[in-house]
Amino acid sequence: MTSSQPPKKTSAENSAAPETGVSKAQATQTAAPQVHVNSAASLRKALSQCMMRDRFRLSKRISGASKIKKDAARNAVFDEIALDIAKSMMVVEQRSRFQPTIEYPEILPVSQKRDDIAKAIEAHQVVIVAGETGSGKTTQLPKICAELGRGKFGLIGHTQPRRLAARSVANRIAEEMETKLGDFVGYKVRFNDQISENTQIKLMTDGILLAEIQHDRF
């Protein structure tokens, strides 16, 4: 007597079933970091690995998409957001690989206290460093921030009161880091700039900073 029940799937067949945790949009981005798009919460969690300039915009898009009632339409928008998150994460990954060797002149007081300064920067949003003229505040503090990885998510802004000072300091830091001016270290002053997509330390005048805050608040 034969059984009329259909044959059961083997464990090998079950393991070959497609997973649903990753969208089609992610599958096409094999080179980019993968982002799980099964919920708005997972997308928001991935924002911490995006460029600072992208986080607010992407966060607003996630909030808007979460209000869509139809599942298919909402998931389609989530897929688009996931692609943009993956692109931003890839930029961060590329910037993290582009960092020259950082060395500190031990003769400078700031260099001698760099570990304490680095811990303070990691623990607080605002850190005030006081020191005598020539102690290394201007040239060494940006390097400490770069070594902490602050430049991979955005720019390390460094202001000077005059255009000549901004250019001179940028030249000096680039020289100490043995990198070409305009690559890892650059500057922007009125009517002139020397920066690139790889720039992480950006010297500028106070006026340039105030102007850029108007269209780049993050």
N, C-alpha and C. Protein backbone atom coordinates (compact mmCIF):
# COMPACT_ATOMS: atom_id res chain seq x y z
N MET A 1 0.85 -1.20 0.00
CA MET A 1 0.00 0.00 0.00
C MET A 1 0.88 1.24 0.00
N THR A 2 0.67 2.12 -0.93
CA THR A 2 1.51 3.32 -1.06
C THR A 2 0.87 4.49 -0.34
N SER A 3 1.72 5.38 0.15
CA SER A 3 1.24 6.57 0.87
C SER A 3 0.90 7.68 -0.11
N SER A 4 -0.18 8.42 0.15
CA SER A 4 -0.58 9.53 -0.71
C SER A 4 0.03 10.85 -0.28
N GLN A 5 0.79 10.85 0.85
CA GLN A 5 1.38 12.10 1.32
C GLN A 5 2.56 12.48 0.46
N PRO A 6 2.74 13.79 0.16
CA PRO A 6 3.88 14.24 -0.66
C PRO A 6 5.18 14.01 0.10
N PRO A 7 6.27 13.74 -0.61
CA PRO A 7 7.57 13.51 0.05
C PRO A 7 8.02 14.76 0.79
N LYS A 8 8.61 14.52 1.96
CA LYS A 8 9.13 15.63 2.76
C LYS A 8 10.45 16.13 2.18
N LYS A 9 10.69 17.44 2.33
CA LYS A 9 11.95 18.02 1.87
C LYS A 9 13.08 17.59 2.78
N THR A 10 14.21 17.29 2.21
CA THR A 10 15.38 16.95 3.01
C THR A 10 15.98 18.21 3.60
N SER A 11 16.89 18.02 4.56
CA SER A 11 17.54 19.18 5.17
C SER A 11 18.36 19.94 4.16
N ALA A 12 18.94 19.23 3.17
CA ALA A 12 19.74 19.91 2.14
C ALA A 12 18.86 20.79 1.29
N GLU A 13 17.62 20.29 0.98
CA GLU A 13 16.71 21.10 0.18
C GLU A 13 16.25 22.32 0.95
N ASN A 14 16.00 22.13 2.26
CA ASN A 14 15.56 23.26 3.08
C ASN A 14 16.62 24.33 3.17
N SER A 15 17.89 23.90 3.25
CA SER A 15 18.97 24.88 3.38
C SER A 15 19.16 25.67 2.11
N ALA A 16 18.67 25.13 0.97
CA ALA A 16 18.84 25.84 -0.29
C ALA A 16 17.77 26.89 -0.50
N ALA A 17 16.78 26.96 0.39
CA ALA A 17 15.71 27.95 0.23
C ALA A 17 16.26 29.34 0.39
N PRO A 18 15.79 30.30 -0.38
CA PRO A 18 16.33 31.67 -0.31
C PRO A 18 16.02 32.32 1.02
N GLU A 19 16.97 33.07 1.54
CA GLU A 19 16.76 33.82 2.77
C GLU A 19 16.00 35.10 2.47
N THR A 20 15.22 35.56 3.43
CA THR A 20 14.40 36.76 3.21
C THR A 20 14.90 37.95 3.99
N GLY A 21 16.03 37.80 4.69
CA GLY A 21 16.51 38.90 5.52
C GLY A 21 17.20 40.00 4.74
N VAL A 22 17.56 39.75 3.48
CA VAL A 22 18.27 40.74 2.67
C VAL A 22 17.48 40.98 1.40
N SER A 23 17.34 42.23 1.02
CA SER A 23 16.54 42.58 -0.14
C SER A 23 17.29 42.34 -1.44
N LYS A 24 16.56 42.39 -2.56
CA LYS A 24 17.19 42.26 -3.88
C LYS A 24 18.18 43.39 -4.12
N ALA A 25 17.84 44.57 -3.63
CA ALA A 25 18.73 45.72 -3.84
C ALA A 25 20.08 45.47 -3.20
N GLN A 26 20.09 44.78 -2.05
CA GLN A 26 21.36 44.51 -1.39
C GLN A 26 22.17 43.50 -2.18
N ALA A 27 21.50 42.52 -2.73
CA ALA A 27 22.19 41.46 -3.44
C ALA A 27 22.98 41.99 -4.62
N THR A 28 22.52 43.08 -5.22
CA THR A 28 23.22 43.66 -6.36
C THR A 28 24.43 44.47 -5.94
N GLN A 29 24.52 44.84 -4.67
CA GLN A 29 25.63 45.65 -4.18
C GLN A 29 26.65 44.75 -3.49
N THR A 30 27.26 43.84 -4.24
CA THR A 30 28.16 42.87 -3.64
C THR A 30 29.41 43.51 -3.07
N ALA A 31 29.84 44.62 -3.64
CA ALA A 31 31.07 45.26 -3.17
C ALA A 31 30.83 46.14 -1.96
N ALA A 32 29.57 46.52 -1.74
CA ALA A 32 29.26 47.45 -0.66
C ALA A 32 28.93 46.69 0.62
N PRO A 33 29.13 47.30 1.79
CA PRO A 33 28.72 46.67 3.04
C PRO A 33 27.22 46.39 3.02
N GLN A 34 26.83 45.22 3.54
CA GLN A 34 25.43 44.81 3.47
C GLN A 34 24.62 45.44 4.60
N VAL A 35 23.39 45.84 4.28
CA VAL A 35 22.49 46.45 5.25
C VAL A 35 21.19 45.65 5.26
N HIS A 36 20.77 45.19 6.42
CA HIS A 36 19.51 44.47 6.53
C HIS A 36 18.37 45.48 6.56
N VAL A 37 17.38 45.27 5.70
CA VAL A 37 16.32 46.26 5.54
C VAL A 37 14.97 45.73 6.00
N ASN A 38 14.97 44.78 6.94
CA ASN A 38 13.71 44.20 7.36
C ASN A 38 12.90 45.13 8.25
N SER A 39 13.50 46.22 8.73
CA SER A 39 12.75 47.14 9.58
C SER A 39 13.40 48.51 9.57
N ALA A 40 12.63 49.51 9.96
CA ALA A 40 13.19 50.86 10.08
C ALA A 40 14.26 50.91 11.15
N ALA A 41 14.11 50.09 12.18
CA ALA A 41 15.09 50.09 13.28
C ALA A 41 16.46 49.64 12.80
N SER A 42 16.50 48.63 11.93
CA SER A 42 17.79 48.14 11.44
C SER A 42 18.46 49.17 10.53
N LEU A 43 17.64 49.91 9.77
CA LEU A 43 18.20 50.97 8.93
C LEU A 43 18.79 52.08 9.80
N ARG A 44 18.08 52.46 10.84
CA ARG A 44 18.58 53.51 11.73
C ARG A 44 19.87 53.09 12.41
N LYS A 45 19.96 51.82 12.76
CA LYS A 45 21.18 51.32 13.40
C LYS A 45 22.38 51.45 12.46
N ALA A 46 22.15 51.24 11.17
CA ALA A 46 23.23 51.33 10.19
C ALA A 46 23.70 52.76 9.96
N LEU A 47 22.89 53.74 10.33
CA LEU A 47 23.26 55.15 10.11
C LEU A 47 24.53 55.54 10.84
N SER A 48 24.84 54.86 11.95
CA SER A 48 26.04 55.21 12.71
C SER A 48 27.32 54.94 11.94
N GLN A 49 27.23 54.16 10.86
CA GLN A 49 28.39 53.86 10.03
C GLN A 49 28.39 54.65 8.73
N CYS A 50 27.51 55.64 8.63
CA CYS A 50 27.43 56.49 7.44
C CYS A 50 28.18 57.79 7.65
N MET A 51 28.39 58.51 6.56
CA MET A 51 28.99 59.84 6.64
C MET A 51 28.07 60.76 7.43
N MET A 52 28.66 61.66 8.20
CA MET A 52 27.87 62.59 9.01
C MET A 52 26.92 63.42 8.15
N ARG A 53 27.38 63.81 6.97
CA ARG A 53 26.57 64.66 6.11
C ARG A 53 25.32 63.94 5.60
N ASP A 54 25.32 62.60 5.64
CA ASP A 54 24.20 61.82 5.12
C ASP A 54 23.21 61.40 6.19
N ARG A 55 23.61 61.40 7.44
CA ARG A 55 22.80 60.77 8.50
C ARG A 55 21.44 61.45 8.69
N PHE A 56 21.42 62.77 8.76
CA PHE A 56 20.15 63.46 9.00
C PHE A 56 19.19 63.25 7.84
N ARG A 57 19.70 63.40 6.61
CA ARG A 57 18.86 63.23 5.43
C ARG A 57 18.29 61.81 5.36
N LEU A 58 19.12 60.81 5.59
CA LEU A 58 18.65 59.43 5.53
C LEU A 58 17.68 59.12 6.67
N SER A 59 17.93 59.71 7.83
CA SER A 59 17.03 59.50 8.97
C SER A 59 15.63 60.04 8.67
N LYS A 60 15.55 61.19 8.01
CA LYS A 60 14.25 61.75 7.65
C LYS A 60 13.55 60.87 6.61
N ARG A 61 14.31 60.30 5.69
CA ARG A 61 13.71 59.42 4.69
C ARG A 61 13.16 58.15 5.33
N ILE A 62 13.88 57.63 6.33
CA ILE A 62 13.39 56.44 7.03
C ILE A 62 12.09 56.75 7.76
N SER A 63 12.04 57.92 8.40
CA SER A 63 10.81 58.32 9.11
C SER A 63 9.64 58.44 8.15
N GLY A 64 9.89 59.04 6.99
CA GLY A 64 8.83 59.19 5.99
C GLY A 64 8.36 57.85 5.45
N ALA A 65 9.32 56.95 5.18
CA ALA A 65 8.96 55.64 4.64
C ALA A 65 8.18 54.80 5.65
N SER A 66 8.48 54.98 6.92
CA SER A 66 7.80 54.21 7.97
C SER A 66 6.31 54.52 8.03
N LYS A 67 5.91 55.67 7.52
CA LYS A 67 4.50 56.07 7.56
C LYS A 67 3.69 55.51 6.39
N ILE A 68 4.37 54.89 5.42
CA ILE A 68 3.66 54.30 4.29
C ILE A 68 2.92 53.04 4.75
N LYS A 69 1.64 52.95 4.47
CA LYS A 69 0.81 51.86 5.00
C LYS A 69 0.96 50.57 4.20
N LYS A 70 1.08 50.67 2.89
CA LYS A 70 1.18 49.47 2.06
C LYS A 70 2.58 48.86 2.19
N ASP A 71 2.61 47.57 2.51
CA ASP A 71 3.88 46.90 2.74
C ASP A 71 4.80 46.94 1.53
N ALA A 72 4.24 46.66 0.35
CA ALA A 72 5.07 46.61 -0.85
C ALA A 72 5.71 47.96 -1.15
N ALA A 73 4.91 49.02 -1.04
CA ALA A 73 5.43 50.36 -1.31
C ALA A 73 6.47 50.76 -0.25
N ARG A 74 6.18 50.43 1.00
CA ARG A 74 7.12 50.77 2.07
C ARG A 74 8.45 50.03 1.90
N ASN A 75 8.37 48.74 1.57
CA ASN A 75 9.59 47.96 1.40
C ASN A 75 10.41 48.44 0.21
N ALA A 76 9.71 48.91 -0.84
CA ALA A 76 10.43 49.43 -2.01
C ALA A 76 11.24 50.67 -1.64
N VAL A 77 10.64 51.54 -0.84
CA VAL A 77 11.36 52.74 -0.40
C VAL A 77 12.51 52.36 0.54
N PHE A 78 12.27 51.38 1.41
CA PHE A 78 13.34 50.90 2.29
C PHE A 78 14.52 50.37 1.48
N ASP A 79 14.22 49.68 0.36
CA ASP A 79 15.29 49.17 -0.50
C ASP A 79 16.14 50.32 -1.07
N GLU A 80 15.46 51.39 -1.50
CA GLU A 80 16.19 52.54 -2.04
C GLU A 80 17.06 53.19 -0.96
N ILE A 81 16.51 53.32 0.23
CA ILE A 81 17.28 53.91 1.33
C ILE A 81 18.47 53.02 1.68
N ALA A 82 18.28 51.71 1.64
CA ALA A 82 19.36 50.77 1.95
C ALA A 82 20.52 50.93 0.98
N LEU A 83 20.20 51.17 -0.29
CA LEU A 83 21.25 51.38 -1.29
C LEU A 83 22.06 52.63 -0.96
N ASP A 84 21.37 53.71 -0.60
CA ASP A 84 22.07 54.95 -0.26
C ASP A 84 22.90 54.80 1.01
N ILE A 85 22.39 54.03 1.97
CA ILE A 85 23.16 53.77 3.18
C ILE A 85 24.42 52.98 2.85
N ALA A 86 24.28 51.97 1.98
CA ALA A 86 25.44 51.17 1.60
C ALA A 86 26.49 52.01 0.88
N LYS A 87 26.04 52.95 0.04
CA LYS A 87 26.99 53.82 -0.66
C LYS A 87 27.73 54.72 0.33
N SER A 88 27.01 55.26 1.29
CA SER A 88 27.64 56.12 2.29
C SER A 88 28.62 55.33 3.15
N MET A 89 28.26 54.10 3.50
CA MET A 89 29.15 53.24 4.27
C MET A 89 30.41 52.90 3.49
N MET A 90 30.27 52.76 2.18
CA MET A 90 31.44 52.46 1.35
C MET A 90 32.40 53.65 1.33
N VAL A 91 31.85 54.87 1.29
CA VAL A 91 32.71 56.07 1.35
C VAL A 91 33.49 56.09 2.65
N VAL A 92 32.82 55.77 3.76
CA VAL A 92 33.49 55.73 5.07
C VAL A 92 34.60 54.69 5.06
N GLU A 93 34.32 53.54 4.47
CA GLU A 93 35.33 52.47 4.41
C GLU A 93 36.54 52.91 3.60
N GLN A 94 36.30 53.58 2.48
CA GLN A 94 37.40 54.05 1.64
C GLN A 94 38.22 55.11 2.37
N ARG A 95 37.55 56.02 3.08
CA ARG A 95 38.26 57.07 3.80
C ARG A 95 39.07 56.49 4.97
N SER A 96 38.57 55.43 5.58
CA SER A 96 39.30 54.84 6.70
C SER A 96 40.59 54.17 6.24
N ARG A 97 40.63 53.74 4.98
CA ARG A 97 41.85 53.13 4.45
C ARG A 97 42.87 54.17 4.01
N PHE A 98 42.39 55.40 3.74
CA PHE A 98 43.27 56.45 3.24
C PHE A 98 43.74 57.31 4.41
N GLN A 99 44.74 56.83 5.14
CA GLN A 99 45.27 57.60 6.26
C GLN A 99 46.77 57.39 6.33
N PRO A 100 47.54 58.43 6.17
CA PRO A 100 49.00 58.30 6.25
C PRO A 100 49.45 58.01 7.68
N THR A 101 50.71 57.63 7.81
CA THR A 101 51.28 57.38 9.13
C THR A 101 51.35 58.69 9.92
N ILE A 102 50.90 58.62 11.16
CA ILE A 102 50.88 59.82 12.00
C ILE A 102 51.96 59.71 13.07
N GLU A 103 52.86 60.68 13.09
CA GLU A 103 53.91 60.74 14.09
C GLU A 103 53.86 62.09 14.79
N TYR A 104 54.34 62.12 16.01
CA TYR A 104 54.29 63.33 16.83
C TYR A 104 55.70 63.72 17.29
N PRO A 105 56.09 64.98 17.10
CA PRO A 105 57.38 65.44 17.64
C PRO A 105 57.34 65.41 19.17
N GLU A 106 58.13 64.55 19.77
CA GLU A 106 58.06 64.35 21.23
C GLU A 106 58.49 65.58 22.02
N ILE A 107 59.15 66.52 21.37
CA ILE A 107 59.59 67.72 22.07
C ILE A 107 58.43 68.63 22.45
N LEU A 108 57.29 68.48 21.76
CA LEU A 108 56.15 69.35 22.00
C LEU A 108 55.31 68.85 23.18
N PRO A 109 54.89 69.74 24.08
CA PRO A 109 54.07 69.34 25.23
C PRO A 109 52.77 68.63 24.84
N VAL A 110 52.12 69.10 23.77
CA VAL A 110 50.87 68.46 23.34
C VAL A 110 51.13 67.02 22.91
N SER A 111 52.26 66.77 22.26
CA SER A 111 52.61 65.41 21.86
C SER A 111 52.79 64.51 23.08
N GLN A 112 53.40 65.05 24.10
CA GLN A 112 53.65 64.27 25.32
C GLN A 112 52.35 63.91 26.04
N LYS A 113 51.33 64.73 25.87
CA LYS A 113 50.05 64.51 26.54
C LYS A 113 48.98 63.98 25.59
N ARG A 114 49.39 63.47 24.44
CA ARG A 114 48.41 63.11 23.41
C ARG A 114 47.45 62.00 23.86
N ASP A 115 47.91 61.06 24.67
CA ASP A 115 47.02 59.99 25.13
C ASP A 115 45.90 60.54 26.01
N ASP A 116 46.26 61.44 26.92
CA ASP A 116 45.25 62.06 27.79
C ASP A 116 44.27 62.91 26.99
N ILE A 117 44.81 63.64 26.00
CA ILE A 117 43.96 64.48 25.16
C ILE A 117 43.01 63.61 24.33
N ALA A 118 43.53 62.51 23.79
CA ALA A 118 42.70 61.61 22.98
C ALA A 118 41.55 61.03 23.81
N LYS A 119 41.84 60.63 25.04
CA LYS A 119 40.79 60.09 25.91
C LYS A 119 39.72 61.14 26.20
N ALA A 120 40.16 62.38 26.41
CA ALA A 120 39.20 63.46 26.68
C ALA A 120 38.31 63.73 25.46
N ILE A 121 38.90 63.69 24.27
CA ILE A 121 38.13 63.92 23.04
C ILE A 121 37.10 62.81 22.84
N GLU A 122 37.48 61.58 23.14
CA GLU A 122 36.55 60.46 22.98
C GLU A 122 35.40 60.52 23.97
N ALA A 123 35.65 61.10 25.15
CA ALA A 123 34.65 61.09 26.22
C ALA A 123 33.76 62.32 26.24
N HIS A 124 34.16 63.40 25.56
CA HIS A 124 33.41 64.65 25.66
C HIS A 124 33.22 65.29 24.29
N GLN A 125 32.10 65.99 24.13
CA GLN A 125 31.85 66.72 22.88
C GLN A 125 32.72 67.96 22.77
N VAL A 126 32.98 68.61 23.88
CA VAL A 126 33.78 69.84 23.88
C VAL A 126 34.99 69.63 24.79
N VAL A 127 36.17 69.90 24.26
CA VAL A 127 37.41 69.79 25.03
C VAL A 127 38.21 71.07 24.83
N ILE A 128 38.61 71.70 25.90
CA ILE A 128 39.43 72.91 25.84
C ILE A 128 40.85 72.56 26.24
N VAL A 129 41.79 72.82 25.35
CA VAL A 129 43.20 72.55 25.61
C VAL A 129 43.92 73.88 25.74
N ALA A 130 44.51 74.13 26.88
CA ALA A 130 45.25 75.37 27.12
C ALA A 130 46.74 75.06 27.15
N GLY A 131 47.52 75.91 26.50
CA GLY A 131 48.96 75.71 26.47
C GLY A 131 49.67 76.94 25.96
N GLU A 132 50.95 77.00 26.23
CA GLU A 132 51.74 78.14 25.78
C GLU A 132 51.87 78.16 24.26
N THR A 133 52.16 79.32 23.72
CA THR A 133 52.44 79.43 22.29
C THR A 133 53.63 78.54 21.94
N GLY A 134 53.46 77.75 20.89
CA GLY A 134 54.53 76.84 20.49
C GLY A 134 54.46 75.47 21.14
N SER A 135 53.39 75.20 21.87
CA SER A 135 53.28 73.90 22.55
C SER A 135 52.76 72.79 21.64
N GLY A 136 52.29 73.16 20.45
CA GLY A 136 51.84 72.14 19.49
C GLY A 136 50.34 72.03 19.35
N LYS A 137 49.59 72.96 19.92
CA LYS A 137 48.13 72.89 19.84
C LYS A 137 47.65 72.93 18.39
N THR A 138 48.17 73.85 17.62
CA THR A 138 47.69 74.07 16.26
C THR A 138 48.00 72.91 15.33
N THR A 139 49.17 72.32 15.46
CA THR A 139 49.59 71.28 14.51
C THR A 139 49.32 69.86 14.98
N GLN A 140 49.27 69.64 16.29
CA GLN A 140 49.15 68.27 16.78
C GLN A 140 47.72 67.85 17.09
N LEU A 141 46.87 68.77 17.51
CA LEU A 141 45.49 68.41 17.84
C LEU A 141 44.73 67.82 16.64
N PRO A 142 44.86 68.39 15.43
CA PRO A 142 44.17 67.77 14.28
C PRO A 142 44.66 66.35 14.01
N LYS A 143 45.95 66.10 14.25
CA LYS A 143 46.50 64.76 14.04
C LYS A 143 45.94 63.77 15.06
N ILE A 144 45.75 64.24 16.28
CA ILE A 144 45.15 63.38 17.31
C ILE A 144 43.72 63.00 16.90
N CYS A 145 42.97 63.98 16.41
CA CYS A 145 41.60 63.72 15.96
C CYS A 145 41.59 62.74 14.79
N ALA A 146 42.54 62.90 13.88
CA ALA A 146 42.62 62.00 12.72
C ALA A 146 42.94 60.58 13.16
N GLU A 147 43.83 60.46 14.13
CA GLU A 147 44.21 59.13 14.62
C GLU A 147 43.04 58.45 15.32
N LEU A 148 42.14 59.23 15.90
CA LEU A 148 40.94 58.69 16.53
C LEU A 148 39.88 58.27 15.51
N GLY A 149 40.13 58.57 14.23
CA GLY A 149 39.18 58.20 13.19
C GLY A 149 38.08 59.21 12.96
N ARG A 150 38.25 60.44 13.49
CA ARG A 150 37.20 61.45 13.33
C ARG A 150 37.07 61.92 11.88
N GLY A 151 38.08 61.73 11.09
CA GLY A 151 38.03 62.22 9.71
C GLY A 151 37.33 61.29 8.74
N LYS A 152 37.12 60.04 9.12
CA LYS A 152 36.52 59.11 8.16
C LYS A 152 35.02 59.32 8.00
N PHE A 153 34.37 59.87 9.02
CA PHE A 153 32.93 60.13 8.94
C PHE A 153 32.61 61.55 8.45
N GLY A 154 33.62 62.39 8.37
CA GLY A 154 33.41 63.78 7.94
C GLY A 154 34.73 64.52 7.92
N LEU A 155 34.67 65.82 7.96
CA LEU A 155 35.89 66.64 7.95
C LEU A 155 36.27 67.08 9.35
N ILE A 156 37.57 67.10 9.61
CA ILE A 156 38.09 67.69 10.83
C ILE A 156 38.33 69.16 10.52
N GLY A 157 37.46 70.02 10.98
CA GLY A 157 37.57 71.45 10.70
C GLY A 157 38.59 72.12 11.60
N HIS A 158 39.42 72.95 11.00
CA HIS A 158 40.50 73.63 11.73
C HIS A 158 40.51 75.08 11.27
N THR A 159 40.16 76.00 12.15
CA THR A 159 40.05 77.40 11.75
C THR A 159 41.26 78.22 12.15
N GLN A 160 41.53 79.21 11.32
CA GLN A 160 42.57 80.21 11.58
C GLN A 160 41.99 81.58 11.24
N PRO A 161 42.45 82.64 11.92
CA PRO A 161 41.84 83.96 11.70
C PRO A 161 42.18 84.58 10.35
N ARG A 162 43.29 84.19 9.74
CA ARG A 162 43.73 84.82 8.48
C ARG A 162 43.99 83.76 7.41
N ARG A 163 43.85 84.20 6.14
CA ARG A 163 44.06 83.29 5.02
C ARG A 163 45.48 82.74 4.98
N LEU A 164 46.44 83.61 5.20
CA LEU A 164 47.84 83.18 5.17
C LEU A 164 48.12 82.13 6.24
N ALA A 165 47.55 82.33 7.42
CA ALA A 165 47.74 81.37 8.51
C ALA A 165 47.12 80.02 8.17
N ALA A 166 45.95 80.04 7.56
CA ALA A 166 45.28 78.78 7.18
C ALA A 166 46.13 78.00 6.19
N ARG A 167 46.67 78.68 5.19
CA ARG A 167 47.52 78.00 4.20
C ARG A 167 48.81 77.49 4.83
N SER A 168 49.41 78.30 5.69
CA SER A 168 50.68 77.93 6.31
C SER A 168 50.52 76.72 7.23
N VAL A 169 49.47 76.72 8.03
CA VAL A 169 49.23 75.59 8.94
C VAL A 169 48.93 74.32 8.15
N ALA A 170 48.14 74.44 7.09
CA ALA A 170 47.85 73.27 6.25
C ALA A 170 49.13 72.69 5.66
N ASN A 171 49.99 73.57 5.17
CA ASN A 171 51.27 73.12 4.64
C ASN A 171 52.10 72.40 5.69
N ARG A 172 52.12 72.96 6.89
CA ARG A 172 52.92 72.39 7.97
C ARG A 172 52.42 71.01 8.37
N ILE A 173 51.11 70.86 8.54
CA ILE A 173 50.56 69.56 8.95
C ILE A 173 50.77 68.52 7.85
N ALA A 174 50.56 68.92 6.59
CA ALA A 174 50.78 68.00 5.47
C ALA A 174 52.24 67.56 5.42
N GLU A 175 53.15 68.49 5.69
CA GLU A 175 54.58 68.16 5.69
C GLU A 175 54.91 67.17 6.80
N GLU A 176 54.35 67.38 7.99
CA GLU A 176 54.61 66.47 9.11
C GLU A 176 54.03 65.08 8.85
N MET A 177 52.94 65.01 8.12
CA MET A 177 52.31 63.72 7.83
C MET A 177 52.82 63.11 6.54
N GLU A 178 53.77 63.82 5.90
CA GLU A 178 54.40 63.34 4.66
C GLU A 178 53.36 63.01 3.59
N THR A 179 52.44 63.92 3.42
CA THR A 179 51.40 63.77 2.40
C THR A 179 51.31 65.05 1.58
N LYS A 180 50.83 64.92 0.36
CA LYS A 180 50.72 66.08 -0.51
C LYS A 180 49.59 66.99 -0.05
N LEU A 181 49.85 68.29 -0.06
CA LEU A 181 48.82 69.25 0.32
C LEU A 181 47.64 69.14 -0.65
N GLY A 182 46.45 69.02 -0.10
CA GLY A 182 45.25 68.85 -0.92
C GLY A 182 44.73 67.43 -0.90
N ASP A 183 45.54 66.49 -0.38
CA ASP A 183 45.07 65.11 -0.25
C ASP A 183 44.44 64.91 1.13
N PHE A 184 45.19 64.36 2.06
CA PHE A 184 44.65 64.13 3.40
C PHE A 184 44.43 65.45 4.13
N VAL A 185 45.32 66.40 3.91
CA VAL A 185 45.23 67.73 4.53
C VAL A 185 45.02 68.77 3.44
N GLY A 186 44.02 69.63 3.61
CA GLY A 186 43.77 70.68 2.63
C GLY A 186 43.34 71.96 3.31
N TYR A 187 43.05 72.96 2.49
CA TYR A 187 42.61 74.24 3.06
C TYR A 187 41.62 74.90 2.11
N LYS A 188 40.81 75.79 2.67
CA LYS A 188 39.89 76.60 1.87
C LYS A 188 39.86 78.00 2.44
N VAL A 189 40.17 78.96 1.59
CA VAL A 189 40.10 80.37 1.96
C VAL A 189 39.31 81.08 0.87
N ARG A 190 39.09 82.35 1.05
CA ARG A 190 38.32 83.10 0.06
C ARG A 190 39.04 83.11 -1.28
N PHE A 191 38.32 82.74 -2.33
CA PHE A 191 38.79 82.72 -3.71
C PHE A 191 39.81 81.60 -3.99
N ASN A 192 40.07 80.74 -3.03
CA ASN A 192 41.07 79.70 -3.27
C ASN A 192 40.83 78.51 -2.33
N ASP A 193 41.03 77.32 -2.86
CA ASP A 193 40.97 76.14 -2.00
C ASP A 193 41.83 75.04 -2.61
N GLN A 194 42.28 74.16 -1.78
CA GLN A 194 43.07 73.02 -2.20
C GLN A 194 42.64 71.81 -1.36
N ILE A 195 41.57 71.19 -1.79
CA ILE A 195 41.02 70.03 -1.10
C ILE A 195 40.62 68.98 -2.14
N SER A 196 40.34 67.78 -1.69
CA SER A 196 39.91 66.70 -2.57
C SER A 196 38.90 65.82 -1.83
N GLU A 197 38.42 64.78 -2.50
CA GLU A 197 37.47 63.86 -1.87
C GLU A 197 38.12 63.11 -0.71
N ASN A 198 39.44 63.02 -0.72
CA ASN A 198 40.15 62.29 0.33
C ASN A 198 40.51 63.16 1.52
N THR A 199 40.26 64.46 1.43
CA THR A 199 40.65 65.38 2.50
C THR A 199 39.89 65.07 3.79
N GLN A 200 40.64 64.96 4.88
CA GLN A 200 40.03 64.72 6.19
C GLN A 200 40.31 65.85 7.17
N ILE A 201 41.43 66.54 7.01
CA ILE A 201 41.74 67.72 7.83
C ILE A 201 41.63 68.95 6.94
N LYS A 202 40.72 69.84 7.27
CA LYS A 202 40.46 71.00 6.42
C LYS A 202 40.71 72.28 7.20
N LEU A 203 41.74 73.01 6.78
CA LEU A 203 42.02 74.34 7.35
C LEU A 203 41.16 75.37 6.64
N MET A 204 40.66 76.35 7.39
CA MET A 204 39.84 77.40 6.79
C MET A 204 39.84 78.61 7.70
N THR A 205 39.44 79.72 7.15
CA THR A 205 39.30 80.93 7.96
C THR A 205 37.98 80.87 8.73
N ASP A 206 37.86 81.70 9.74
CA ASP A 206 36.61 81.75 10.51
C ASP A 206 35.43 82.11 9.61
N GLY A 207 35.66 83.01 8.66
CA GLY A 207 34.59 83.43 7.76
C GLY A 207 34.09 82.29 6.88
N ILE A 208 35.01 81.45 6.40
CA ILE A 208 34.63 80.30 5.58
C ILE A 208 33.79 79.33 6.40
N LEU A 209 34.19 79.09 7.64
CA LEU A 209 33.43 78.18 8.50
C LEU A 209 32.00 78.68 8.70
N LEU A 210 31.84 79.96 8.98
CA LEU A 210 30.51 80.52 9.19
C LEU A 210 29.66 80.40 7.93
N ALA A 211 30.29 80.60 6.77
CA ALA A 211 29.55 80.50 5.51
C ALA A 211 29.13 79.06 5.23
N GLU A 212 30.00 78.10 5.52
CA GLU A 212 29.69 76.71 5.21
C GLU A 212 28.66 76.11 6.17
N ILE A 213 28.60 76.64 7.38
CA ILE A 213 27.60 76.15 8.34
C ILE A 213 26.19 76.37 7.81
N GLN A 214 26.00 77.41 6.99
CA GLN A 214 24.67 77.73 6.47
C GLN A 214 24.10 76.62 5.60
N HIS A 215 24.96 75.89 4.87
CA HIS A 215 24.45 74.84 4.00
C HIS A 215 24.96 73.45 4.38
N ASP A 216 25.78 73.36 5.42
CA ASP A 216 26.27 72.07 5.88
C ASP A 216 26.27 72.07 7.41
N ARG A 217 25.09 71.87 7.99
CA ARG A 217 24.96 71.96 9.45
C ARG A 217 25.46 70.73 10.17
N PHE A 218 25.75 69.67 9.42
CA PHE A 218 26.10 68.41 10.08
C PHE A 218 27.51 67.98 9.76
